[in-house]
PDB file of N, CA and C in Angstrom:
ATOM      1  N   MET A   1     -22.673 -26.958 -80.418  1.00  0.00           N
ATOM      2  CA  MET A   1     -24.086 -26.756 -80.164  1.00  0.00           C
ATOM      3  C   MET A   1     -24.471 -27.560 -78.929  1.00  0.00           C
ATOM      4  N   GLY A   2     -25.134 -26.907 -77.985  1.00  0.00           N
ATOM      5  CA  GLY A   2     -25.522 -27.554 -76.748  1.00  0.00           C
ATOM      6  C   GLY A   2     -26.799 -28.365 -76.893  1.00  0.00           C
ATOM      7  N   LYS A   3     -27.058 -29.170 -75.851  1.00  0.00           N
ATOM      8  CA  LYS A   3     -28.250 -30.017 -75.850  1.00  0.00           C
ATOM      9  C   LYS A   3     -29.524 -29.189 -75.973  1.00  0.00           C
ATOM     10  N   VAL A   4     -29.548 -28.051 -75.293  1.00  0.00           N
ATOM     11  CA  VAL A   4     -30.741 -27.202 -75.330  1.00  0.00           C
ATOM     12  C   VAL A   4     -30.999 -26.714 -76.749  1.00  0.00           C
ATOM     13  N   ASN A   5     -29.944 -26.345 -77.466  1.00  0.00           N
ATOM     14  CA  ASN A   5     -30.106 -25.871 -78.843  1.00  0.00           C
ATOM     15  C   ASN A   5     -30.634 -26.971 -79.755  1.00  0.00           C
ATOM     16  N   VAL A   6     -30.138 -28.191 -79.571  1.00  0.00           N
ATOM     17  CA  VAL A   6     -30.598 -29.316 -80.387  1.00  0.00           C
ATOM     18  C   VAL A   6     -32.071 -29.578 -80.110  1.00  0.00           C
ATOM     19  N   LEU A   7     -32.442 -29.603 -78.824  1.00  0.00           N
ATOM     20  CA  LEU A   7     -33.836 -29.855 -78.471  1.00  0.00           C
ATOM     21  C   LEU A   7     -34.743 -28.731 -78.964  1.00  0.00           C
ATOM     22  N   ASP A   8     -34.258 -27.498 -78.890  1.00  0.00           N
ATOM     23  CA  ASP A   8     -35.030 -26.358 -79.390  1.00  0.00           C
ATOM     24  C   ASP A   8     -35.234 -26.475 -80.902  1.00  0.00           C
ATOM     25  N   ALA A   9     -34.197 -26.872 -81.612  1.00  0.00           N
ATOM     26  CA  ALA A   9     -34.307 -27.027 -83.068  1.00  0.00           C
ATOM     27  C   ALA A   9     -35.298 -28.132 -83.422  1.00  0.00           C
ATOM     28  N   LEU A  10     -35.262 -29.230 -82.669  1.00  0.00           N
ATOM     29  CA  LEU A  10     -36.211 -30.310 -82.921  1.00  0.00           C
ATOM     30  C   LEU A  10     -37.641 -29.858 -82.644  1.00  0.00           C
ATOM     31  N   ASP A  11     -37.814 -29.091 -81.574  1.00  0.00           N
ATOM     32  CA  ASP A  11     -39.140 -28.569 -81.246  1.00  0.00           C
ATOM     33  C   ASP A  11     -39.646 -27.651 -82.358  1.00  0.00           C
ATOM     34  N   ARG A  12     -38.774 -26.802 -82.867  1.00  0.00           N
ATOM     35  CA  ARG A  12     -39.166 -25.898 -83.959  1.00  0.00           C
ATOM     36  C   ARG A  12     -39.490 -26.675 -85.227  1.00  0.00           C
ATOM     37  N   LEU A  13     -38.713 -27.732 -85.495  1.00  0.00           N
ATOM     38  CA  LEU A  13     -38.981 -28.551 -86.676  1.00  0.00           C
ATOM     39  C   LEU A  13     -40.338 -29.231 -86.548  1.00  0.00           C
ATOM     40  N   SER A  14     -40.624 -29.791 -85.380  1.00  0.00           N
ATOM     41  CA  SER A  14     -41.925 -30.433 -85.159  1.00  0.00           C
ATOM     42  C   SER A  14     -43.058 -29.435 -85.346  1.00  0.00           C
ATOM     43  N   SER A  15     -42.884 -28.251 -84.798  1.00  0.00           N
ATOM     44  CA  SER A  15     -43.898 -27.205 -84.936  1.00  0.00           C
ATOM     45  C   SER A  15     -44.092 -26.831 -86.402  1.00  0.00           C
ATOM     46  N   THR A  16     -42.996 -26.699 -87.128  1.00  0.00           N
ATOM     47  CA  THR A  16     -43.071 -26.348 -88.551  1.00  0.00           C
ATOM     48  C   THR A  16     -43.791 -27.429 -89.341  1.00  0.00           C
ATOM     49  N   ILE A  17     -43.449 -28.682 -89.071  1.00  0.00           N
ATOM     50  CA  ILE A  17     -44.084 -29.794 -89.786  1.00  0.00           C
ATOM     51  C   ILE A  17     -45.577 -29.832 -89.485  1.00  0.00           C
ATOM     52  N   ASN A  18     -45.941 -29.629 -88.217  1.00  0.00           N
ATOM     53  CA  ASN A  18     -47.364 -29.607 -87.860  1.00  0.00           C
ATOM     54  C   ASN A  18     -48.098 -28.483 -88.579  1.00  0.00           C
ATOM     55  N   LYS A  19     -47.470 -27.317 -88.658  1.00  0.00           N
ATOM     56  CA  LYS A  19     -48.100 -26.190 -89.352  1.00  0.00           C
ATOM     57  C   LYS A  19     -48.247 -26.483 -90.843  1.00  0.00           C
ATOM     58  N   VAL A  20     -47.254 -27.139 -91.427  1.00  0.00           N
ATOM     59  CA  VAL A  20     -47.320 -27.482 -92.848  1.00  0.00           C
ATOM     60  C   VAL A  20     -48.459 -28.464 -93.088  1.00  0.00           C
ATOM     61  N   GLU A  21     -48.604 -29.455 -92.176  1.00  0.00           N
ATOM     62  CA  GLU A  21     -49.675 -30.439 -92.331  1.00  0.00           C
ATOM     63  C   GLU A  21     -51.051 -29.781 -92.233  1.00  0.00           C
ATOM     64  N   GLU A  22     -51.188 -28.764 -91.392  1.00  0.00           N
ATOM     65  CA  GLU A  22     -52.471 -28.093 -91.185  1.00  0.00           C
ATOM     66  C   GLU A  22     -52.748 -27.017 -92.238  1.00  0.00           C
ATOM     67  N   PHE A  23     -51.748 -26.645 -92.992  1.00  0.00           N
ATOM     68  CA  PHE A  23     -51.859 -25.532 -93.931  1.00  0.00           C
ATOM     69  C   PHE A  23     -52.653 -25.952 -95.159  1.00  0.00           C
ATOM     70  N   ASP A  24     -53.720 -25.241 -95.442  1.00  0.00           N
ATOM     71  CA  ASP A  24     -54.572 -25.529 -96.595  1.00  0.00           C
ATOM     72  C   ASP A  24     -54.290 -24.490 -97.680  1.00  0.00           C
ATOM     73  N   ILE A  25     -53.626 -24.925 -98.736  1.00  0.00           N
ATOM     74  CA  ILE A  25     -53.258 -23.982 -99.800  1.00  0.00           C
ATOM     75  C   ILE A  25     -54.269 -23.961-100.938  1.00  0.00           C
ATOM     76  N   SER A  26     -55.360 -24.703-100.793  1.00  0.00           N
ATOM     77  CA  SER A  26     -56.320 -24.784-101.902  1.00  0.00           C
ATOM     78  C   SER A  26     -56.916 -23.425-102.266  1.00  0.00           C
ATOM     79  N   GLY A  27     -57.081 -22.545-101.290  1.00  0.00           N
ATOM     80  CA  GLY A  27     -57.679 -21.250-101.575  1.00  0.00           C
ATOM     81  C   GLY A  27     -56.681 -20.118-101.641  1.00  0.00           C
ATOM     82  N   ILE A  28     -55.394 -20.436-101.573  1.00  0.00           N
ATOM     83  CA  ILE A  28     -54.366 -19.402-101.540  1.00  0.00           C
ATOM     84  C   ILE A  28     -53.450 -19.562-102.745  1.00  0.00           C
ATOM     85  N   ASP A  29     -53.182 -18.454-103.398  1.00  0.00           N
ATOM     86  CA  ASP A  29     -52.270 -18.470-104.535  1.00  0.00           C
ATOM     87  C   ASP A  29     -50.892 -18.041-104.040  1.00  0.00           C
ATOM     88  N   LEU A  30     -50.007 -19.003-103.855  1.00  0.00           N
ATOM     89  CA  LEU A  30     -48.664 -18.707-103.366  1.00  0.00           C
ATOM     90  C   LEU A  30     -47.714 -18.530-104.544  1.00  0.00           C
ATOM     91  N   SER A  31     -46.863 -17.551-104.435  1.00  0.00           N
ATOM     92  CA  SER A  31     -45.884 -17.333-105.496  1.00  0.00           C
ATOM     93  C   SER A  31     -44.812 -18.413-105.429  1.00  0.00           C
ATOM     94  N   GLU A  32     -44.135 -18.596-106.538  1.00  0.00           N
ATOM     95  CA  GLU A  32     -43.048 -19.576-106.569  1.00  0.00           C
ATOM     96  C   GLU A  32     -41.956 -19.200-105.579  1.00  0.00           C
ATOM     97  N   ARG A  33     -41.741 -17.914-105.395  1.00  0.00           N
ATOM     98  CA  ARG A  33     -40.700 -17.457-104.471  1.00  0.00           C
ATOM     99  C   ARG A  33     -41.024 -17.882-103.037  1.00  0.00           C
ATOM    100  N   VAL A  34     -42.275 -17.733-102.628  1.00  0.00           N
ATOM    101  CA  VAL A  34     -42.681 -18.143-101.280  1.00  0.00           C
ATOM    102  C   VAL A  34     -42.482 -19.643-101.113  1.00  0.00           C
ATOM    103  N   LEU A  35     -42.924 -20.404-102.104  1.00  0.00           N
ATOM    104  CA  LEU A  35     -42.757 -21.853-102.033  1.00  0.00           C
ATOM    105  C   LEU A  35     -41.282 -22.236-102.015  1.00  0.00           C
ATOM    106  N   ASP A  36     -40.475 -21.581-102.838  1.00  0.00           N
ATOM    107  CA  ASP A  36     -39.037 -21.852-102.855  1.00  0.00           C
ATOM    108  C   ASP A  36     -38.419 -21.581-101.488  1.00  0.00           C
ATOM    109  N   ASN A  37     -38.809 -20.475-100.852  1.00  0.00           N
ATOM    110  CA  ASN A  37     -38.273 -20.147 -99.527  1.00  0.00           C
ATOM    111  C   ASN A  37     -38.658 -21.200 -98.497  1.00  0.00           C
ATOM    112  N   ARG A  38     -39.873 -21.694 -98.563  1.00  0.00           N
ATOM    113  CA  ARG A  38     -40.300 -22.732 -97.618  1.00  0.00           C
ATOM    114  C   ARG A  38     -39.535 -24.025 -97.853  1.00  0.00           C
ATOM    115  N   ILE A  39     -39.337 -24.359 -99.102  1.00  0.00           N
ATOM    116  CA  ILE A  39     -38.573 -25.566 -99.420  1.00  0.00           C
ATOM    117  C   ILE A  39     -37.140 -25.426 -98.928  1.00  0.00           C
ATOM    118  N   ILE A  40     -36.534 -24.273 -99.157  1.00  0.00           N
ATOM    119  CA  ILE A  40     -35.163 -24.034 -98.701  1.00  0.00           C
ATOM    120  C   ILE A  40     -35.083 -24.141 -97.185  1.00  0.00           C
ATOM    121  N   THR A  41     -36.079 -23.602 -96.475  1.00  0.00           N
ATOM    122  CA  THR A  41     -36.101 -23.684 -95.015  1.00  0.00           C
ATOM    123  C   THR A  41     -36.185 -25.132 -94.559  1.00  0.00           C
ATOM    124  N   LEU A  42     -37.081 -25.913 -95.155  1.00  0.00           N
ATOM    125  CA  LEU A  42     -37.212 -27.320 -94.777  1.00  0.00           C
ATOM    126  C   LEU A  42     -35.944 -28.101 -95.112  1.00  0.00           C
ATOM    127  N   GLU A  43     -35.337 -27.809 -96.254  1.00  0.00           N
ATOM    128  CA  GLU A  43     -34.083 -28.473 -96.610  1.00  0.00           C
ATOM    129  C   GLU A  43     -33.000 -28.145 -95.594  1.00  0.00           C
ATOM    130  N   GLY A  44     -32.970 -26.888 -95.126  1.00  0.00           N
ATOM    131  CA  GLY A  44     -31.997 -26.485 -94.108  1.00  0.00           C
ATOM    132  C   GLY A  44     -32.198 -27.246 -92.812  1.00  0.00           C
ATOM    133  N   TYR A  45     -33.450 -27.393 -92.380  1.00  0.00           N
ATOM    134  CA  TYR A  45     -33.735 -28.169 -91.171  1.00  0.00           C
ATOM    135  C   TYR A  45     -33.299 -29.620 -91.338  1.00  0.00           C
ATOM    136  N   ILE A  46     -33.582 -30.190 -92.493  1.00  0.00           N
ATOM    137  CA  ILE A  46     -33.211 -31.587 -92.729  1.00  0.00           C
ATOM    138  C   ILE A  46     -31.692 -31.748 -92.699  1.00  0.00           C
ATOM    139  N   ARG A  47     -30.965 -30.834 -93.344  1.00  0.00           N
ATOM    140  CA  ARG A  47     -29.493 -30.903 -93.315  1.00  0.00           C
ATOM    141  C   ARG A  47     -28.979 -30.769 -91.888  1.00  0.00           C
ATOM    142  N   PHE A  48     -29.564 -29.840 -91.125  1.00  0.00           N
ATOM    143  CA  PHE A  48     -29.166 -29.662 -89.730  1.00  0.00           C
ATOM    144  C   PHE A  48     -29.389 -30.955 -88.953  1.00  0.00           C
ATOM    145  N   LEU A  49     -30.552 -31.565 -89.130  1.00  0.00           N
ATOM    146  CA  LEU A  49     -30.838 -32.806 -88.409  1.00  0.00           C
ATOM    147  C   LEU A  49     -29.850 -33.901 -88.785  1.00  0.00           C
ATOM    148  N   GLU A  50     -29.593 -34.052 -90.078  1.00  0.00           N
ATOM    149  CA  GLU A  50     -28.682 -35.096 -90.535  1.00  0.00           C
ATOM    150  C   GLU A  50     -27.255 -34.858 -90.059  1.00  0.00           C
ATOM    151  N   ASN A  51     -26.789 -33.622 -90.142  1.00  0.00           N
ATOM    152  CA  ASN A  51     -25.381 -33.326 -89.867  1.00  0.00           C
ATOM    153  C   ASN A  51     -25.068 -33.083 -88.403  1.00  0.00           C
ATOM    154  N   GLU A  52     -26.006 -32.521 -87.652  1.00  0.00           N
ATOM    155  CA  GLU A  52     -25.706 -32.145 -86.276  1.00  0.00           C
ATOM    156  C   GLU A  52     -26.620 -32.788 -85.245  1.00  0.00           C
ATOM    157  N   ALA A  53     -27.913 -32.656 -85.430  1.00  0.00           N
ATOM    158  CA  ALA A  53     -28.843 -33.071 -84.378  1.00  0.00           C
ATOM    159  C   ALA A  53     -28.858 -34.578 -84.169  1.00  0.00           C
ATOM    160  N   ILE A  54     -28.986 -35.350 -85.232  1.00  0.00           N
ATOM    161  CA  ILE A  54     -29.069 -36.802 -85.078  1.00  0.00           C
ATOM    162  C   ILE A  54     -27.791 -37.371 -84.477  1.00  0.00           C
ATOM    163  N   PRO A  55     -26.589 -36.981 -84.956  1.00  0.00           N
ATOM    164  CA  PRO A  55     -25.379 -37.489 -84.307  1.00  0.00           C
ATOM    165  C   PRO A  55     -25.294 -37.100 -82.826  1.00  0.00           C
ATOM    166  N   LYS A  56     -25.672 -35.862 -82.487  1.00  0.00           N
ATOM    167  CA  LYS A  56     -25.622 -35.441 -81.084  1.00  0.00           C
ATOM    168  C   LYS A  56     -26.638 -36.200 -80.247  1.00  0.00           C
ATOM    169  N   LEU A  57     -27.846 -36.370 -80.772  1.00  0.00           N
ATOM    170  CA  LEU A  57     -28.856 -37.127 -80.037  1.00  0.00           C
ATOM    171  C   LEU A  57     -28.434 -38.582 -79.879  1.00  0.00           C
ATOM    172  N   SER A  58     -27.758 -39.135 -80.869  1.00  0.00           N
ATOM    173  CA  SER A  58     -27.248 -40.506 -80.759  1.00  0.00           C
ATOM    174  C   SER A  58     -26.206 -40.603 -79.655  1.00  0.00           C
ATOM    175  N   ARG A  59     -25.319 -39.599 -79.563  1.00  0.00           N
ATOM    176  CA  ARG A  59     -24.315 -39.602 -78.489  1.00  0.00           C
ATOM    177  C   ARG A  59     -24.979 -39.457 -77.123  1.00  0.00           C
ATOM    178  N   ILE A  60     -25.990 -38.598 -77.031  1.00  0.00           N
ATOM    179  CA  ILE A  60     -26.712 -38.437 -75.764  1.00  0.00           C
ATOM    180  C   ILE A  60     -27.367 -39.761 -75.378  1.00  0.00           C
ATOM    181  N   ARG A  61     -28.025 -40.418 -76.344  1.00  0.00           N
ATOM    182  CA  ARG A  61     -28.650 -41.718 -76.091  1.00  0.00           C
ATOM    183  C   ARG A  61     -27.615 -42.743 -75.640  1.00  0.00           C
ATOM    184  N   ASP A  62     -26.470 -42.777 -76.329  1.00  0.00           N
ATOM    185  CA  ASP A  62     -25.419 -43.726 -75.967  1.00  0.00           C
ATOM    186  C   ASP A  62     -24.888 -43.457 -74.565  1.00  0.00           C
ATOM    187  N   ASN A  63     -24.716 -42.176 -74.216  1.00  0.00           N
ATOM    188  CA  ASN A  63     -24.250 -41.833 -72.866  1.00  0.00           C
ATOM    189  C   ASN A  63     -25.246 -42.283 -71.811  1.00  0.00           C
ATOM    190  N   ILE A  64     -26.527 -42.052 -72.063  1.00  0.00           N
ATOM    191  CA  ILE A  64     -27.556 -42.479 -71.109  1.00  0.00           C
ATOM    192  C   ILE A  64     -27.572 -43.996 -70.995  1.00  0.00           C
ATOM    193  N   THR A  65     -27.485 -44.686 -72.127  1.00  0.00           N
ATOM    194  CA  THR A  65     -27.468 -46.148 -72.122  1.00  0.00           C
ATOM    195  C   THR A  65     -26.264 -46.671 -71.356  1.00  0.00           C
ATOM    196  N   ASP A  66     -25.088 -46.077 -71.585  1.00  0.00           N
ATOM    197  CA  ASP A  66     -23.881 -46.496 -70.872  1.00  0.00           C
ATOM    198  C   ASP A  66     -24.036 -46.297 -69.371  1.00  0.00           C
ATOM    199  N   LYS A  67     -24.602 -45.160 -68.961  1.00  0.00           N
ATOM    200  CA  LYS A  67     -24.800 -44.897 -67.537  1.00  0.00           C
ATOM    201  C   LYS A  67     -25.784 -45.886 -66.932  1.00  0.00           C
ATOM    202  N   LEU A  68     -26.873 -46.158 -67.645  1.00  0.00           N
ATOM    203  CA  LEU A  68     -27.861 -47.114 -67.139  1.00  0.00           C
ATOM    204  C   LEU A  68     -27.266 -48.513 -67.051  1.00  0.00           C
ATOM    205  N   ASN A  69     -26.492 -48.913 -68.044  1.00  0.00           N
ATOM    206  CA  ASN A  69     -25.847 -50.227 -68.017  1.00  0.00           C
ATOM    207  C   ASN A  69     -24.842 -50.315 -66.882  1.00  0.00           C
ATOM    208  N   GLY A  70     -24.110 -49.223 -66.637  1.00  0.00           N
ATOM    209  CA  GLY A  70     -23.150 -49.192 -65.533  1.00  0.00           C
ATOM    210  C   GLY A  70     -23.844 -49.306 -64.190  1.00  0.00           C
ATOM    211  N   GLU A  71     -24.983 -48.656 -64.037  1.00  0.00           N
ATOM    212  CA  GLU A  71     -25.743 -48.734 -62.791  1.00  0.00           C
ATOM    213  C   GLU A  71     -26.304 -50.132 -62.591  1.00  0.00           C
ATOM    214  N   GLN A  72     -26.766 -50.772 -63.656  1.00  0.00           N
ATOM    215  CA  GLN A  72     -27.311 -52.122 -63.553  1.00  0.00           C
ATOM    216  C   GLN A  72     -26.219 -53.116 -63.197  1.00  0.00           C
ATOM    217  N   GLU A  73     -25.040 -52.967 -63.788  1.00  0.00           N
ATOM    218  CA  GLU A  73     -23.927 -53.862 -63.477  1.00  0.00           C
ATOM    219  C   GLU A  73     -23.482 -53.677 -62.040  1.00  0.00           C
ATOM    220  N   GLY A  74     -23.446 -52.438 -61.586  1.00  0.00           N
ATOM    221  CA  GLY A  74     -23.056 -52.151 -60.209  1.00  0.00           C
ATOM    222  C   GLY A  74     -24.076 -52.673 -59.219  1.00  0.00           C
ATOM    223  N   GLY A  75     -25.339 -52.698 -59.591  1.00  0.00           N
ATOM    224  CA  GLY A  75     -26.407 -53.164 -58.717  1.00  0.00           C
ATOM    225  C   GLY A  75     -26.451 -54.665 -58.587  1.00  0.00           C
ATOM    226  N   ASN A  76     -25.833 -55.398 -59.487  1.00  0.00           N
ATOM    227  CA  ASN A  76     -25.853 -56.856 -59.450  1.00  0.00           C
ATOM    228  C   ASN A  76     -24.851 -57.432 -58.474  1.00  0.00           C
ATOM    229  N   ASP A  77     -23.989 -56.621 -57.875  1.00  0.00           N
ATOM    230  CA  ASP A  77     -22.968 -57.112 -56.961  1.00  0.00           C
ATOM    231  C   ASP A  77     -23.507 -57.349 -55.561  1.00  0.00           C
ATOM    232  N   ASP A  78     -24.753 -56.995 -55.276  1.00  0.00           N
ATOM    233  CA  ASP A  78     -25.306 -57.119 -53.923  1.00  0.00           C
ATOM    234  C   ASP A  78     -25.391 -58.536 -53.469  1.00  0.00           C
TER     235      ASP A  78
END
């Protein structure tokens, strides 16, 4: 999975969470099946984040940190 896919998935997750927070179910009678499907979708996103996105984002962060540290060390030789 590429960086763009990970970032796209995170963007979709954020959008989904925002929509869930704004969703007012007080006047809507949702079937158990609809609720089950939403729960399954959120569980899928969470598993994806835990198994793929977070490790990849950690590697990206580590790579950026390593590059920045290398540039700082190289800059101290002046």
